[in-house]
Amino acid sequence: KKYGQDACNVGDEGGFAPSVQDNNEALDILMEAIKLSGHEAKVKIGTDVAASEFYNAETKRYDLDFKNPNGSTDDMKKSAAE
């Protein structure tokens, strides 16, 4: 309800794609949905650290804040080993 009709958009890979502004907001929404559905004890959350969406081939680092219009700080850029 908070995100209106946009919350029903379908993302690139077929999942729902509400218009969230950062990673924490997305995880908060996900956790709330899991709790409200009564599945807290049944669900684990993982992230795709190999996501090509935020991988920079030039620096060989993952930019976890790639949507930030002001650019990402170094602590948000990690290599696979980090």
PDB file of N, CA and C in Angstrom:
ATOM      1  N   LYS A   1       0.830  -1.200   0.000  1.00  0.00           N
ATOM      2  CA  LYS A   1       0.000   0.000   0.000  1.00  0.00           C
ATOM      3  C   LYS A   1       0.869   1.257   0.000  1.00  0.00           C
ATOM      4  N   LYS A   2       1.957   1.214   0.746  1.00  0.00           N
ATOM      5  CA  LYS A   2       2.836   2.376   0.880  1.00  0.00           C
ATOM      6  C   LYS A   2       3.385   2.843  -0.470  1.00  0.00           C
ATOM      7  N   TYR A   3       3.620   1.910  -1.398  1.00  0.00           N
ATOM      8  CA  TYR A   3       4.243   2.241  -2.669  1.00  0.00           C
ATOM      9  C   TYR A   3       3.263   2.341  -3.821  1.00  0.00           C
ATOM     10  N   GLY A   4       1.982   2.171  -3.556  1.00  0.00           N
ATOM     11  CA  GLY A   4       0.959   2.321  -4.577  1.00  0.00           C
ATOM     12  C   GLY A   4       1.058   1.294  -5.682  1.00  0.00           C
ATOM     13  N   GLN A   5       0.516   1.628  -6.832  1.00  0.00           N
ATOM     14  CA  GLN A   5       0.481   0.710  -7.974  1.00  0.00           C
ATOM     15  C   GLN A   5       1.883   0.292  -8.409  1.00  0.00           C
ATOM     16  N   ASP A   6       2.885   1.155  -8.223  1.00  0.00           N
ATOM     17  CA  ASP A   6       4.252   0.817  -8.619  1.00  0.00           C
ATOM     18  C   ASP A   6       4.781  -0.421  -7.907  1.00  0.00           C
ATOM     19  N   ALA A   7       4.231  -0.735  -6.743  1.00  0.00           N
ATOM     20  CA  ALA A   7       4.690  -1.904  -5.996  1.00  0.00           C
ATOM     21  C   ALA A   7       4.389  -3.196  -6.733  1.00  0.00           C
ATOM     22  N   CYS A   8       3.523  -3.131  -7.720  1.00  0.00           N
ATOM     23  CA  CYS A   8       3.168  -4.326  -8.497  1.00  0.00           C
ATOM     24  C   CYS A   8       3.974  -4.442  -9.784  1.00  0.00           C
ATOM     25  N   ASN A   9       4.916  -3.533 -10.010  1.00  0.00           N
ATOM     26  CA  ASN A   9       5.756  -3.623 -11.205  1.00  0.00           C
ATOM     27  C   ASN A   9       6.560  -4.913 -11.162  1.00  0.00           C
ATOM     28  N   VAL A  10       6.861  -5.457 -12.308  1.00  0.00           N
ATOM     29  CA  VAL A  10       7.674  -6.662 -12.393  1.00  0.00           C
ATOM     30  C   VAL A  10       9.061  -6.256 -12.855  1.00  0.00           C
ATOM     31  N   GLY A  11      10.074  -6.700 -12.115  1.00  0.00           N
ATOM     32  CA  GLY A  11      11.455  -6.352 -12.421  1.00  0.00           C
ATOM     33  C   GLY A  11      12.033  -7.165 -13.558  1.00  0.00           C
ATOM     34  N   ASP A  12      13.308  -6.941 -13.844  1.00  0.00           N
ATOM     35  CA  ASP A  12      14.012  -7.586 -14.954  1.00  0.00           C
ATOM     36  C   ASP A  12      13.922  -9.104 -14.925  1.00  0.00           C
ATOM     37  N   GLU A  13      14.017  -9.683 -13.762  1.00  0.00           N
ATOM     38  CA  GLU A  13      14.067 -11.138 -13.659  1.00  0.00           C
ATOM     39  C   GLU A  13      12.750 -11.753 -13.196  1.00  0.00           C
ATOM     40  N   GLY A  14      11.666 -10.990 -13.277  1.00  0.00           N
ATOM     41  CA  GLY A  14      10.353 -11.539 -12.994  1.00  0.00           C
ATOM     42  C   GLY A  14       9.839 -11.321 -11.588  1.00  0.00           C
ATOM     43  N   GLY A  15      10.637 -10.734 -10.710  1.00  0.00           N
ATOM     44  CA  GLY A  15      10.187 -10.479  -9.347  1.00  0.00           C
ATOM     45  C   GLY A  15       9.481  -9.141  -9.236  1.00  0.00           C
ATOM     46  N   PHE A  16       8.759  -8.948  -8.146  1.00  0.00           N
ATOM     47  CA  PHE A  16       8.117  -7.662  -7.909  1.00  0.00           C
ATOM     48  C   PHE A  16       9.188  -6.612  -7.653  1.00  0.00           C
ATOM     49  N   ALA A  17       8.954  -5.395  -8.126  1.00  0.00           N
ATOM     50  CA  ALA A  17       9.978  -4.356  -8.051  1.00  0.00           C
ATOM     51  C   ALA A  17       9.398  -3.030  -7.578  1.00  0.00           C
ATOM     52  N   PRO A  18       9.088  -2.901  -6.274  1.00  0.00           N
ATOM     53  CA  PRO A  18       8.619  -1.601  -5.796  1.00  0.00           C
ATOM     54  C   PRO A  18       9.744  -0.572  -5.907  1.00  0.00           C
ATOM     55  N   SER A  19       9.384   0.665  -5.999  1.00  0.00           N
ATOM     56  CA  SER A  19      10.363   1.740  -6.167  1.00  0.00           C
ATOM     57  C   SER A  19      10.986   2.101  -4.821  1.00  0.00           C
ATOM     58  N   VAL A  20      12.020   1.382  -4.440  1.00  0.00           N
ATOM     59  CA  VAL A  20      12.723   1.671  -3.182  1.00  0.00           C
ATOM     60  C   VAL A  20      13.950   2.503  -3.484  1.00  0.00           C
ATOM     61  N   GLN A  21      14.435   3.215  -2.473  1.00  0.00           N
ATOM     62  CA  GLN A  21      15.545   4.137  -2.679  1.00  0.00           C
ATOM     63  C   GLN A  21      16.909   3.571  -2.290  1.00  0.00           C
ATOM     64  N   ASP A  22      16.929   2.550  -1.433  1.00  0.00           N
ATOM     65  CA  ASP A  22      18.223   1.976  -1.064  1.00  0.00           C
ATOM     66  C   ASP A  22      18.068   0.525  -0.610  1.00  0.00           C
ATOM     67  N   ASN A  23      19.185  -0.139  -0.441  1.00  0.00           N
ATOM     68  CA  ASN A  23      19.190  -1.562  -0.079  1.00  0.00           C
ATOM     69  C   ASN A  23      18.494  -1.822   1.250  1.00  0.00           C
ATOM     70  N   ASN A  24      18.720  -0.966   2.233  1.00  0.00           N
ATOM     71  CA  ASN A  24      18.117  -1.167   3.549  1.00  0.00           C
ATOM     72  C   ASN A  24      16.594  -1.099   3.482  1.00  0.00           C
ATOM     73  N   GLU A  25      16.081  -0.180   2.708  1.00  0.00           N
ATOM     74  CA  GLU A  25      14.628  -0.058   2.559  1.00  0.00           C
ATOM     75  C   GLU A  25      14.060  -1.332   1.934  1.00  0.00           C
ATOM     76  N   ALA A  26      14.733  -1.864   0.925  1.00  0.00           N
ATOM     77  CA  ALA A  26      14.270  -3.092   0.280  1.00  0.00           C
ATOM     78  C   ALA A  26      14.256  -4.254   1.261  1.00  0.00           C
ATOM     79  N   LEU A  27      15.301  -4.394   2.060  1.00  0.00           N
ATOM     80  CA  LEU A  27      15.356  -5.473   3.042  1.00  0.00           C
ATOM     81  C   LEU A  27      14.307  -5.289   4.132  1.00  0.00           C
ATOM     82  N   ASP A  28      14.067  -4.047   4.549  1.00  0.00           N
ATOM     83  CA  ASP A  28      13.030  -3.781   5.549  1.00  0.00           C
ATOM     84  C   ASP A  28      11.654  -4.210   5.040  1.00  0.00           C
ATOM     85  N   ILE A  29      11.357  -3.905   3.782  1.00  0.00           N
ATOM     86  CA  ILE A  29      10.073  -4.295   3.187  1.00  0.00           C
ATOM     87  C   ILE A  29       9.961  -5.811   3.137  1.00  0.00           C
ATOM     88  N   LEU A  30      11.030  -6.453   2.730  1.00  0.00           N
ATOM     89  CA  LEU A  30      11.037  -7.905   2.637  1.00  0.00           C
ATOM     90  C   LEU A  30      10.829  -8.552   4.001  1.00  0.00           C
ATOM     91  N   MET A  31      11.530  -8.057   5.012  1.00  0.00           N
ATOM     92  CA  MET A  31      11.390  -8.600   6.370  1.00  0.00           C
ATOM     93  C   MET A  31       9.968  -8.399   6.901  1.00  0.00           C
ATOM     94  N   GLU A  32       9.398  -7.236   6.624  1.00  0.00           N
ATOM     95  CA  GLU A  32       8.029  -6.969   7.080  1.00  0.00           C
ATOM     96  C   GLU A  32       7.042  -7.921   6.409  1.00  0.00           C
ATOM     97  N   ALA A  33       7.218  -8.155   5.109  1.00  0.00           N
ATOM     98  CA  ALA A  33       6.320  -9.065   4.386  1.00  0.00           C
ATOM     99  C   ALA A  33       6.431 -10.487   4.921  1.00  0.00           C
ATOM    100  N   ILE A  34       7.642 -10.916   5.216  1.00  0.00           N
ATOM    101  CA  ILE A  34       7.852 -12.266   5.759  1.00  0.00           C
ATOM    102  C   ILE A  34       7.179 -12.385   7.121  1.00  0.00           C
ATOM    103  N   LYS A  35       7.354 -11.363   7.949  1.00  0.00           N
ATOM    104  CA  LYS A  35       6.747 -11.378   9.285  1.00  0.00           C
ATOM    105  C   LYS A  35       5.223 -11.390   9.201  1.00  0.00           C
ATOM    106  N   LEU A  36       4.659 -10.508   8.366  1.00  0.00           N
ATOM    107  CA  LEU A  36       3.204 -10.423   8.240  1.00  0.00           C
ATOM    108  C   LEU A  36       2.592 -11.706   7.681  1.00  0.00           C
ATOM    109  N   SER A  37       3.361 -12.429   6.884  1.00  0.00           N
ATOM    110  CA  SER A  37       2.843 -13.669   6.303  1.00  0.00           C
ATOM    111  C   SER A  37       2.975 -14.856   7.253  1.00  0.00           C
ATOM    112  N   GLY A  38       3.674 -14.646   8.385  1.00  0.00           N
ATOM    113  CA  GLY A  38       3.830 -15.715   9.360  1.00  0.00           C
ATOM    114  C   GLY A  38       4.907 -16.733   9.003  1.00  0.00           C
ATOM    115  N   HIS A  39       5.852 -16.332   8.160  1.00  0.00           N
ATOM    116  CA  HIS A  39       6.876 -17.260   7.701  1.00  0.00           C
ATOM    117  C   HIS A  39       8.270 -16.981   8.262  1.00  0.00           C
ATOM    118  N   GLU A  40       8.366 -16.218   9.340  1.00  0.00           N
ATOM    119  CA  GLU A  40       9.686 -15.847   9.874  1.00  0.00           C
ATOM    120  C   GLU A  40      10.579 -17.052  10.149  1.00  0.00           C
ATOM    121  N   ALA A  41      10.024 -18.123  10.676  1.00  0.00           N
ATOM    122  CA  ALA A  41      10.824 -19.294  11.024  1.00  0.00           C
ATOM    123  C   ALA A  41      11.144 -20.161   9.803  1.00  0.00           C
ATOM    124  N   LYS A  42      10.538 -19.861   8.669  1.00  0.00           N
ATOM    125  CA  LYS A  42      10.685 -20.702   7.485  1.00  0.00           C
ATOM    126  C   LYS A  42      11.536 -20.083   6.379  1.00  0.00           C
ATOM    127  N   VAL A  43      11.858 -18.789   6.489  1.00  0.00           N
ATOM    128  CA  VAL A  43      12.508 -18.076   5.393  1.00  0.00           C
ATOM    129  C   VAL A  43      13.879 -17.568   5.803  1.00  0.00           C
ATOM    130  N   LYS A  44      14.830 -17.741   4.921  1.00  0.00           N
ATOM    131  CA  LYS A  44      16.176 -17.169   5.064  1.00  0.00           C
ATOM    132  C   LYS A  44      16.383 -16.229   3.882  1.00  0.00           C
ATOM    133  N   ILE A  45      17.137 -15.160   4.089  1.00  0.00           N
ATOM    134  CA  ILE A  45      17.394 -14.194   3.022  1.00  0.00           C
ATOM    135  C   ILE A  45      18.864 -14.286   2.624  1.00  0.00           C
ATOM    136  N   GLY A  46      19.096 -14.305   1.333  1.00  0.00           N
ATOM    137  CA  GLY A  46      20.458 -14.285   0.798  1.00  0.00           C
ATOM    138  C   GLY A  46      20.539 -13.235  -0.292  1.00  0.00           C
ATOM    139  N   THR A  47      21.732 -12.828  -0.606  1.00  0.00           N
ATOM    140  CA  THR A  47      21.917 -11.874  -1.697  1.00  0.00           C
ATOM    141  C   THR A  47      22.800 -12.491  -2.767  1.00  0.00           C
ATOM    142  N   ASP A  48      22.645 -12.039  -3.964  1.00  0.00           N
ATOM    143  CA  ASP A  48      23.420 -12.522  -5.093  1.00  0.00           C
ATOM    144  C   ASP A  48      24.656 -11.648  -5.242  1.00  0.00           C
ATOM    145  N   VAL A  49      25.753 -12.065  -4.633  1.00  0.00           N
ATOM    146  CA  VAL A  49      26.966 -11.229  -4.659  1.00  0.00           C
ATOM    147  C   VAL A  49      27.653 -11.242  -6.016  1.00  0.00           C
ATOM    148  N   ALA A  50      27.207 -12.076  -6.918  1.00  0.00           N
ATOM    149  CA  ALA A  50      27.774 -12.110  -8.263  1.00  0.00           C
ATOM    150  C   ALA A  50      26.903 -11.354  -9.249  1.00  0.00           C
ATOM    151  N   ALA A  51      26.047 -10.503  -8.760  1.00  0.00           N
ATOM    152  CA  ALA A  51      25.112  -9.787  -9.620  1.00  0.00           C
ATOM    153  C   ALA A  51      25.852  -8.888 -10.608  1.00  0.00           C
ATOM    154  N   SER A  52      25.653  -9.146 -11.870  1.00  0.00           N
ATOM    155  CA  SER A  52      26.320  -8.357 -12.909  1.00  0.00           C
ATOM    156  C   SER A  52      25.804  -6.918 -12.936  1.00  0.00           C
ATOM    157  N   GLU A  53      24.642  -6.697 -12.358  1.00  0.00           N
ATOM    158  CA  GLU A  53      24.046  -5.354 -12.335  1.00  0.00           C
ATOM    159  C   GLU A  53      24.948  -4.341 -11.639  1.00  0.00           C
ATOM    160  N   PHE A  54      25.647  -4.762 -10.599  1.00  0.00           N
ATOM    161  CA  PHE A  54      26.482  -3.805  -9.871  1.00  0.00           C
ATOM    162  C   PHE A  54      27.964  -4.173  -9.867  1.00  0.00           C
ATOM    163  N   TYR A  55      28.376  -4.998 -10.821  1.00  0.00           N
ATOM    164  CA  TYR A  55      29.786  -5.352 -10.968  1.00  0.00           C
ATOM    165  C   TYR A  55      30.443  -4.411 -11.962  1.00  0.00           C
ATOM    166  N   ASN A  56      31.605  -3.875 -11.600  1.00  0.00           N
ATOM    167  CA  ASN A  56      32.361  -2.983 -12.472  1.00  0.00           C
ATOM    168  C   ASN A  56      33.567  -3.762 -12.987  1.00  0.00           C
ATOM    169  N   ALA A  57      33.558  -4.110 -14.260  1.00  0.00           N
ATOM    170  CA  ALA A  57      34.628  -4.929 -14.839  1.00  0.00           C
ATOM    171  C   ALA A  57      35.968  -4.202 -14.848  1.00  0.00           C
ATOM    172  N   GLU A  58      35.948  -2.869 -14.957  1.00  0.00           N
ATOM    173  CA  GLU A  58      37.203  -2.104 -14.970  1.00  0.00           C
ATOM    174  C   GLU A  58      37.926  -2.182 -13.630  1.00  0.00           C
ATOM    175  N   THR A  59      37.187  -2.024 -12.538  1.00  0.00           N
ATOM    176  CA  THR A  59      37.813  -2.040 -11.213  1.00  0.00           C
ATOM    177  C   THR A  59      37.787  -3.424 -10.579  1.00  0.00           C
ATOM    178  N   LYS A  60      37.009  -4.347 -11.195  1.00  0.00           N
ATOM    179  CA  LYS A  60      36.826  -5.709 -10.663  1.00  0.00           C
ATOM    180  C   LYS A  60      36.286  -5.683  -9.231  1.00  0.00           C
ATOM    181  N   ARG A  61      35.356  -4.746  -9.017  1.00  0.00           N
ATOM    182  CA  ARG A  61      34.737  -4.606  -7.703  1.00  0.00           C
ATOM    183  C   ARG A  61      33.231  -4.514  -7.860  1.00  0.00           C
ATOM    184  N   TYR A  62      32.529  -4.925  -6.813  1.00  0.00           N
ATOM    185  CA  TYR A  62      31.075  -4.805  -6.764  1.00  0.00           C
ATOM    186  C   TYR A  62      30.742  -3.500  -6.068  1.00  0.00           C
ATOM    187  N   ASP A  63      29.955  -2.659  -6.717  1.00  0.00           N
ATOM    188  CA  ASP A  63      29.542  -1.378  -6.147  1.00  0.00           C
ATOM    189  C   ASP A  63      28.155  -1.556  -5.542  1.00  0.00           C
ATOM    190  N   LEU A  64      28.109  -1.743  -4.227  1.00  0.00           N
ATOM    191  CA  LEU A  64      26.855  -2.030  -3.541  1.00  0.00           C
ATOM    192  C   LEU A  64      25.931  -0.826  -3.433  1.00  0.00           C
ATOM    193  N   ASP A  65      26.420   0.332  -3.817  1.00  0.00           N
ATOM    194  CA  ASP A  65      25.628   1.561  -3.765  1.00  0.00           C
ATOM    195  C   ASP A  65      25.570   2.189  -5.154  1.00  0.00           C
ATOM    196  N   PHE A  66      25.501   1.351  -6.206  1.00  0.00           N
ATOM    197  CA  PHE A  66      25.620   1.828  -7.584  1.00  0.00           C
ATOM    198  C   PHE A  66      24.513   2.766  -8.013  1.00  0.00           C
ATOM    199  N   LYS A  67      23.384   2.782  -7.315  1.00  0.00           N
ATOM    200  CA  LYS A  67      22.278   3.672  -7.699  1.00  0.00           C
ATOM    201  C   LYS A  67      22.405   5.059  -7.072  1.00  0.00           C
ATOM    202  N   ASN A  68      23.393   5.255  -6.248  1.00  0.00           N
ATOM    203  CA  ASN A  68      23.579   6.535  -5.577  1.00  0.00           C
ATOM    204  C   ASN A  68      24.012   7.590  -6.601  1.00  0.00           C
ATOM    205  N   PRO A  69      23.198   8.626  -6.816  1.00  0.00           N
ATOM    206  CA  PRO A  69      23.545   9.646  -7.816  1.00  0.00           C
ATOM    207  C   PRO A  69      24.787  10.450  -7.444  1.00  0.00           C
ATOM    208  N   ASN A  70      25.167  10.425  -6.176  1.00  0.00           N
ATOM    209  CA  ASN A  70      26.347  11.162  -5.731  1.00  0.00           C
ATOM    210  C   ASN A  70      27.621  10.331  -5.806  1.00  0.00           C
ATOM    211  N   GLY A  71      27.509   9.122  -6.302  1.00  0.00           N
ATOM    212  CA  GLY A  71      28.662   8.231  -6.353  1.00  0.00           C
ATOM    213  C   GLY A  71      28.761   7.446  -5.055  1.00  0.00           C
ATOM    214  N   SER A  72      29.481   6.362  -5.108  1.00  0.00           N
ATOM    215  CA  SER A  72      29.603   5.474  -3.953  1.00  0.00           C
ATOM    216  C   SER A  72      30.877   5.751  -3.179  1.00  0.00           C
ATOM    217  N   THR A  73      30.796   5.567  -1.876  1.00  0.00           N
ATOM    218  CA  THR A  73      31.991   5.672  -1.056  1.00  0.00           C
ATOM    219  C   THR A  73      32.768   4.365  -1.156  1.00  0.00           C
ATOM    220  N   ASP A  74      34.050   4.394  -0.824  1.00  0.00           N
ATOM    221  CA  ASP A  74      34.897   3.209  -0.955  1.00  0.00           C
ATOM    222  C   ASP A  74      34.401   2.033  -0.135  1.00  0.00           C
ATOM    223  N   ASP A  75      33.762   2.300   1.013  1.00  0.00           N
ATOM    224  CA  ASP A  75      33.288   1.184   1.847  1.00  0.00           C
ATOM    225  C   ASP A  75      32.108   0.452   1.213  1.00  0.00           C
ATOM    226  N   MET A  76      31.533   1.014   0.142  1.00  0.00           N
ATOM    227  CA  MET A  76      30.434   0.360  -0.549  1.00  0.00           C
ATOM    228  C   MET A  76      30.916  -0.362  -1.813  1.00  0.00           C
ATOM    229  N   LYS A  77      32.244  -0.392  -2.022  1.00  0.00           N
ATOM    230  CA  LYS A  77      32.818  -1.057  -3.192  1.00  0.00           C
ATOM    231  C   LYS A  77      33.689  -2.203  -2.687  1.00  0.00           C
ATOM    232  N   LYS A  78      33.357  -3.413  -3.089  1.00  0.00           N
ATOM    233  CA  LYS A  78      34.065  -4.594  -2.585  1.00  0.00           C
ATOM    234  C   LYS A  78      34.451  -5.514  -3.732  1.00  0.00           C
ATOM    235  N   SER A  79      35.573  -6.195  -3.570  1.00  0.00           N
ATOM    236  CA  SER A  79      35.932  -7.254  -4.519  1.00  0.00           C
ATOM    237  C   SER A  79      35.302  -8.545  -4.022  1.00  0.00           C
ATOM    238  N   ALA A  80      35.334  -9.577  -4.840  1.00  0.00           N
ATOM    239  CA  ALA A  80      34.760 -10.866  -4.430  1.00  0.00           C
ATOM    240  C   ALA A  80      35.463 -11.398  -3.195  1.00  0.00           C
ATOM    241  N   ALA A  81      36.753 -11.179  -3.081  1.00  0.00           N
ATOM    242  CA  ALA A  81      37.524 -11.680  -1.923  1.00  0.00           C
ATOM    243  C   ALA A  81      37.178 -10.948  -0.635  1.00  0.00           C
ATOM    244  N   GLU A  82      36.767  -9.680  -0.780  1.00  0.00           N
ATOM    245  CA  GLU A  82      36.436  -8.891   0.414  1.00  0.00           C
ATOM    246  C   GLU A  82      35.095  -9.299   0.957  1.00  0.00           C
TER     247      GLU A  82
END
